[in-house]
Amino acid sequence: MLYGAEGVENIQPNAIAQWLSFMGWLICLMGYYFICWRKQGQTLGMKAWRLKLQNIDGTPASPEQCIKRSIFACFSLGLLGAGYLICLIPSRKTCLHDDLSNTEVVVLEKQK
């Protein structure tokens, strides 16, 4: 070896450590979305696209709805993106996880 690493073994965490690491990453990601949706109804990316998450009646999403939406969004993506793609059907305007959490994403008007 070039740098004298002949005796270094391949260190790979066991399956439990990998699973816990993945779950920790997923919880952090869901926590980010939860905080942003509860505080302003928008993540940083949603602000750039002028999108806002809200209840169907226009009020901010509840904590339960934010948690449900985060969980169901994982399943929407896990179905090969089908949960997201159904919003492209002309008669629908919401994704699967929006329907399951009773929320909607609206486009905000451009501020001058």
N, C-alpha and C. Protein backbone atom coordinates (compact mmCIF):
# COMPACT_ATOMS: atom_id res chain seq x y z
N MET A 1 0.84 -1.18 0.00
CA MET A 1 0.00 0.00 0.00
C MET A 1 0.88 1.24 0.00
N LEU A 2 0.34 2.28 -0.48
CA LEU A 2 1.09 3.52 -0.64
C LEU A 2 1.36 4.21 0.69
N TYR A 3 0.41 4.20 1.58
CA TYR A 3 0.57 4.93 2.84
C TYR A 3 0.73 4.00 4.05
N GLY A 4 1.01 2.79 3.86
CA GLY A 4 1.27 1.87 4.95
C GLY A 4 0.03 1.39 5.67
N ALA A 5 -1.05 1.18 4.96
CA ALA A 5 -2.30 0.74 5.57
C ALA A 5 -2.57 -0.73 5.26
N GLU A 6 -1.50 -1.52 5.19
CA GLU A 6 -1.70 -2.93 4.83
C GLU A 6 -2.47 -3.69 5.89
N GLY A 7 -2.26 -3.35 7.16
CA GLY A 7 -2.87 -4.10 8.24
C GLY A 7 -4.26 -3.59 8.63
N VAL A 8 -4.74 -2.57 7.97
CA VAL A 8 -6.05 -2.02 8.34
C VAL A 8 -7.13 -2.94 7.80
N GLU A 9 -8.00 -3.33 8.69
CA GLU A 9 -9.09 -4.21 8.27
C GLU A 9 -10.28 -3.39 7.81
N ASN A 10 -11.15 -4.00 7.08
CA ASN A 10 -12.36 -3.35 6.62
C ASN A 10 -13.34 -3.25 7.79
N ILE A 11 -13.56 -2.05 8.28
CA ILE A 11 -14.44 -1.87 9.44
C ILE A 11 -15.83 -1.52 8.93
N GLN A 12 -16.76 -2.36 9.23
CA GLN A 12 -18.15 -2.19 8.82
C GLN A 12 -19.02 -2.36 10.05
N PRO A 13 -19.89 -1.35 10.36
CA PRO A 13 -20.76 -1.52 11.53
C PRO A 13 -21.73 -2.69 11.33
N ASN A 14 -22.14 -3.29 12.44
CA ASN A 14 -23.07 -4.41 12.33
C ASN A 14 -24.45 -3.93 11.91
N ALA A 15 -25.32 -4.85 11.65
CA ALA A 15 -26.65 -4.51 11.12
C ALA A 15 -27.46 -3.67 12.10
N ILE A 16 -27.33 -3.93 13.38
CA ILE A 16 -28.08 -3.16 14.38
C ILE A 16 -27.61 -1.71 14.39
N ALA A 17 -26.31 -1.49 14.34
CA ALA A 17 -25.78 -0.13 14.31
C ALA A 17 -26.20 0.60 13.05
N GLN A 18 -26.21 -0.09 11.92
CA GLN A 18 -26.66 0.52 10.68
C GLN A 18 -28.14 0.89 10.75
N TRP A 19 -28.94 0.00 11.31
CA TRP A 19 -30.38 0.25 11.44
C TRP A 19 -30.64 1.44 12.36
N LEU A 20 -29.95 1.48 13.51
CA LEU A 20 -30.12 2.59 14.44
C LEU A 20 -29.66 3.91 13.84
N SER A 21 -28.60 3.87 13.08
CA SER A 21 -28.10 5.07 12.41
C SER A 21 -29.12 5.57 11.39
N PHE A 22 -29.69 4.67 10.62
CA PHE A 22 -30.71 5.06 9.64
C PHE A 22 -31.94 5.63 10.32
N MET A 23 -32.39 5.00 11.40
CA MET A 23 -33.57 5.48 12.12
C MET A 23 -33.30 6.85 12.73
N GLY A 24 -32.10 7.07 13.25
CA GLY A 24 -31.74 8.38 13.79
C GLY A 24 -31.76 9.46 12.72
N TRP A 25 -31.23 9.12 11.54
CA TRP A 25 -31.25 10.05 10.41
C TRP A 25 -32.69 10.36 10.01
N LEU A 26 -33.54 9.35 9.95
CA LEU A 26 -34.94 9.54 9.57
C LEU A 26 -35.69 10.39 10.59
N ILE A 27 -35.43 10.17 11.87
CA ILE A 27 -36.09 10.96 12.91
C ILE A 27 -35.64 12.42 12.84
N CYS A 28 -34.37 12.66 12.59
CA CYS A 28 -33.88 14.05 12.44
C CYS A 28 -34.53 14.74 11.25
N LEU A 29 -34.64 14.03 10.15
CA LEU A 29 -35.26 14.60 8.96
C LEU A 29 -36.73 14.91 9.19
N MET A 30 -37.45 13.98 9.82
CA MET A 30 -38.86 14.21 10.12
C MET A 30 -39.02 15.34 11.13
N GLY A 31 -38.08 15.47 12.05
CA GLY A 31 -38.11 16.56 13.02
C GLY A 31 -37.95 17.91 12.36
N TYR A 32 -37.07 17.98 11.36
CA TYR A 32 -36.89 19.23 10.60
C TYR A 32 -38.20 19.64 9.94
N TYR A 33 -38.83 18.71 9.26
CA TYR A 33 -40.10 19.02 8.60
C TYR A 33 -41.17 19.40 9.61
N PHE A 34 -41.23 18.69 10.72
CA PHE A 34 -42.22 18.99 11.76
C PHE A 34 -42.07 20.41 12.27
N ILE A 35 -40.84 20.79 12.61
CA ILE A 35 -40.60 22.13 13.15
C ILE A 35 -40.95 23.21 12.12
N CYS A 36 -40.51 23.03 10.89
CA CYS A 36 -40.79 24.03 9.85
C CYS A 36 -42.28 24.14 9.55
N TRP A 37 -42.96 23.01 9.43
CA TRP A 37 -44.39 23.05 9.11
C TRP A 37 -45.20 23.63 10.25
N ARG A 38 -44.82 23.35 11.50
CA ARG A 38 -45.56 23.89 12.64
C ARG A 38 -45.29 25.37 12.84
N LYS A 39 -44.07 25.81 12.58
CA LYS A 39 -43.71 27.20 12.84
C LYS A 39 -44.27 28.14 11.78
N GLN A 40 -44.05 27.83 10.50
CA GLN A 40 -44.45 28.74 9.42
C GLN A 40 -45.28 28.07 8.34
N GLY A 41 -45.36 26.76 8.37
CA GLY A 41 -46.06 26.05 7.29
C GLY A 41 -45.18 25.84 6.07
N GLN A 42 -43.90 26.19 6.18
CA GLN A 42 -43.00 26.10 5.04
C GLN A 42 -41.61 25.66 5.47
N THR A 43 -40.97 24.87 4.61
CA THR A 43 -39.55 24.61 4.76
C THR A 43 -38.81 25.66 3.94
N LEU A 44 -37.50 25.63 3.97
CA LEU A 44 -36.74 26.60 3.19
C LEU A 44 -37.01 26.44 1.69
N GLY A 45 -37.07 25.20 1.23
CA GLY A 45 -37.37 24.96 -0.18
C GLY A 45 -38.78 25.39 -0.56
N MET A 46 -39.73 25.19 0.35
CA MET A 46 -41.10 25.60 0.08
C MET A 46 -41.21 27.13 0.00
N LYS A 47 -40.39 27.84 0.78
CA LYS A 47 -40.38 29.30 0.69
C LYS A 47 -39.91 29.75 -0.68
N ALA A 48 -38.87 29.09 -1.18
CA ALA A 48 -38.33 29.47 -2.49
C ALA A 48 -39.36 29.26 -3.60
N TRP A 49 -40.19 28.23 -3.47
CA TRP A 49 -41.20 27.93 -4.48
C TRP A 49 -42.56 28.54 -4.15
N ARG A 50 -42.63 29.31 -3.04
CA ARG A 50 -43.85 29.96 -2.59
C ARG A 50 -44.96 28.95 -2.32
N LEU A 51 -44.62 27.87 -1.63
CA LEU A 51 -45.58 26.83 -1.25
C LEU A 51 -45.79 26.87 0.25
N LYS A 52 -46.98 26.51 0.69
CA LYS A 52 -47.28 26.49 2.12
C LYS A 52 -48.17 25.30 2.44
N LEU A 53 -47.86 24.62 3.54
CA LEU A 53 -48.67 23.50 4.03
C LEU A 53 -49.71 24.04 4.99
N GLN A 54 -50.94 23.59 4.83
CA GLN A 54 -52.02 24.02 5.71
C GLN A 54 -53.12 22.98 5.74
N ASN A 55 -54.05 23.18 6.68
CA ASN A 55 -55.27 22.37 6.71
C ASN A 55 -56.10 22.69 5.48
N ILE A 56 -57.07 21.86 5.21
CA ILE A 56 -57.95 22.11 4.07
C ILE A 56 -58.76 23.39 4.28
N ASP A 57 -59.03 23.74 5.54
CA ASP A 57 -59.79 24.96 5.82
C ASP A 57 -58.90 26.21 5.91
N GLY A 58 -57.60 26.09 5.69
CA GLY A 58 -56.70 27.23 5.68
C GLY A 58 -55.95 27.49 6.96
N THR A 59 -56.24 26.75 8.01
CA THR A 59 -55.53 26.92 9.28
C THR A 59 -54.21 26.15 9.24
N PRO A 60 -53.27 26.50 10.13
CA PRO A 60 -51.99 25.75 10.16
C PRO A 60 -52.21 24.28 10.51
N ALA A 61 -51.35 23.44 10.01
CA ALA A 61 -51.44 22.00 10.27
C ALA A 61 -51.16 21.73 11.74
N SER A 62 -51.88 20.78 12.31
CA SER A 62 -51.69 20.41 13.71
C SER A 62 -50.44 19.54 13.85
N PRO A 63 -49.94 19.36 15.08
CA PRO A 63 -48.79 18.48 15.28
C PRO A 63 -49.04 17.06 14.79
N GLU A 64 -50.24 16.54 15.04
CA GLU A 64 -50.57 15.18 14.58
C GLU A 64 -50.54 15.09 13.07
N GLN A 65 -51.04 16.11 12.39
CA GLN A 65 -51.04 16.10 10.94
C GLN A 65 -49.62 16.16 10.39
N CYS A 66 -48.76 16.94 11.01
CA CYS A 66 -47.37 17.04 10.56
C CYS A 66 -46.65 15.69 10.71
N ILE A 67 -46.89 15.02 11.83
CA ILE A 67 -46.27 13.71 12.05
C ILE A 67 -46.81 12.70 11.04
N LYS A 68 -48.14 12.67 10.86
CA LYS A 68 -48.74 11.75 9.89
C LYS A 68 -48.20 12.01 8.50
N ARG A 69 -48.11 13.28 8.12
CA ARG A 69 -47.66 13.63 6.77
C ARG A 69 -46.21 13.18 6.56
N SER A 70 -45.37 13.34 7.58
CA SER A 70 -43.97 12.91 7.46
C SER A 70 -43.88 11.40 7.27
N ILE A 71 -44.65 10.66 8.04
CA ILE A 71 -44.63 9.20 7.94
C ILE A 71 -45.19 8.73 6.60
N PHE A 72 -46.34 9.29 6.22
CA PHE A 72 -46.97 8.87 4.97
C PHE A 72 -46.16 9.29 3.74
N ALA A 73 -45.40 10.39 3.85
CA ALA A 73 -44.55 10.81 2.72
C ALA A 73 -43.47 9.77 2.45
N CYS A 74 -42.97 9.13 3.51
CA CYS A 74 -41.99 8.05 3.31
C CYS A 74 -42.61 6.90 2.53
N PHE A 75 -43.86 6.56 2.87
CA PHE A 75 -44.54 5.49 2.15
C PHE A 75 -44.86 5.89 0.71
N SER A 76 -45.21 7.16 0.50
CA SER A 76 -45.48 7.63 -0.86
C SER A 76 -44.24 7.49 -1.74
N LEU A 77 -43.10 7.80 -1.17
CA LEU A 77 -41.85 7.66 -1.90
C LEU A 77 -41.49 6.18 -2.06
N GLY A 78 -41.77 5.40 -1.03
CA GLY A 78 -41.46 3.97 -1.06
C GLY A 78 -42.27 3.19 -2.08
N LEU A 79 -43.39 3.73 -2.50
CA LEU A 79 -44.21 3.09 -3.53
C LEU A 79 -43.72 3.50 -4.92
N LEU A 80 -42.41 3.63 -5.05
CA LEU A 80 -41.77 4.05 -6.30
C LEU A 80 -42.25 5.43 -6.74
N GLY A 81 -42.58 6.27 -5.77
CA GLY A 81 -43.01 7.63 -6.06
C GLY A 81 -44.46 7.77 -6.48
N ALA A 82 -45.20 6.67 -6.46
CA ALA A 82 -46.59 6.70 -6.91
C ALA A 82 -47.45 7.63 -6.05
N GLY A 83 -47.14 7.73 -4.77
CA GLY A 83 -47.89 8.62 -3.89
C GLY A 83 -47.74 10.08 -4.27
N TYR A 84 -46.59 10.41 -4.86
CA TYR A 84 -46.37 11.77 -5.35
C TYR A 84 -46.94 11.96 -6.75
N LEU A 85 -46.83 10.95 -7.57
CA LEU A 85 -47.25 11.07 -8.96
C LEU A 85 -48.76 11.18 -9.15
N ILE A 86 -49.54 10.74 -8.17
CA ILE A 86 -50.99 10.81 -8.35
C ILE A 86 -51.50 12.25 -8.36
N CYS A 87 -50.69 13.19 -7.91
CA CYS A 87 -51.12 14.59 -7.97
C CYS A 87 -51.10 15.12 -9.40
N LEU A 88 -50.50 14.38 -10.32
CA LEU A 88 -50.47 14.79 -11.73
C LEU A 88 -51.74 14.40 -12.48
N ILE A 89 -52.58 13.60 -11.86
CA ILE A 89 -53.87 13.25 -12.47
C ILE A 89 -54.72 14.51 -12.49
N PRO A 90 -55.32 14.87 -13.63
CA PRO A 90 -56.03 16.14 -13.74
C PRO A 90 -57.13 16.37 -12.70
N SER A 91 -57.84 15.35 -12.29
CA SER A 91 -58.93 15.54 -11.34
C SER A 91 -58.45 15.69 -9.90
N ARG A 92 -57.16 15.43 -9.63
CA ARG A 92 -56.61 15.51 -8.28
C ARG A 92 -55.60 16.64 -8.21
N LYS A 93 -55.46 17.21 -7.03
CA LYS A 93 -54.43 18.23 -6.84
C LYS A 93 -53.57 17.96 -5.61
N THR A 94 -53.78 16.80 -4.99
CA THR A 94 -53.02 16.48 -3.78
C THR A 94 -52.30 15.14 -3.94
N CYS A 95 -51.26 14.99 -3.14
CA CYS A 95 -50.52 13.74 -3.10
C CYS A 95 -51.19 12.80 -2.10
N LEU A 96 -50.76 11.55 -2.11
CA LEU A 96 -51.34 10.55 -1.22
C LEU A 96 -51.17 10.93 0.24
N HIS A 97 -50.00 11.41 0.61
CA HIS A 97 -49.77 11.76 2.02
C HIS A 97 -50.56 13.00 2.43
N ASP A 98 -50.92 13.86 1.50
CA ASP A 98 -51.80 14.99 1.82
C ASP A 98 -53.21 14.49 2.12
N ASP A 99 -53.68 13.55 1.32
CA ASP A 99 -55.01 12.99 1.54
C ASP A 99 -55.09 12.26 2.88
N LEU A 100 -54.07 11.49 3.19
CA LEU A 100 -54.08 10.70 4.42
C LEU A 100 -53.93 11.55 5.68
N SER A 101 -53.31 12.73 5.56
CA SER A 101 -53.13 13.60 6.73
C SER A 101 -54.10 14.79 6.73
N ASN A 102 -55.01 14.84 5.76
CA ASN A 102 -55.99 15.93 5.64
C ASN A 102 -55.33 17.30 5.58
N THR A 103 -54.27 17.41 4.78
CA THR A 103 -53.59 18.69 4.57
C THR A 103 -53.56 18.99 3.09
N GLU A 104 -53.12 20.20 2.78
CA GLU A 104 -52.93 20.57 1.38
C GLU A 104 -51.75 21.52 1.28
N VAL A 105 -51.14 21.55 0.12
CA VAL A 105 -50.06 22.48 -0.16
C VAL A 105 -50.61 23.49 -1.15
N VAL A 106 -50.52 24.76 -0.79
CA VAL A 106 -51.05 25.83 -1.64
C VAL A 106 -49.90 26.68 -2.15
N VAL A 107 -50.12 27.31 -3.30
CA VAL A 107 -49.15 28.23 -3.88
C VAL A 107 -49.51 29.64 -3.40
N LEU A 108 -48.56 30.31 -2.81
CA LEU A 108 -48.77 31.66 -2.32
C LEU A 108 -48.58 32.67 -3.45
N GLU A 109 -49.26 33.79 -3.33
CA GLU A 109 -49.10 34.82 -4.34
C GLU A 109 -47.74 35.49 -4.20
N LYS A 110 -47.23 35.96 -5.32
CA LYS A 110 -45.94 36.60 -5.33
C LYS A 110 -46.01 37.96 -4.63
N GLN A 111 -45.08 38.19 -3.71
CA GLN A 111 -45.05 39.47 -3.00
C GLN A 111 -44.27 40.48 -3.81
N LYS A 112 -44.73 41.70 -3.78
CA LYS A 112 -44.04 42.74 -4.56
C LYS A 112 -43.06 43.50 -3.73
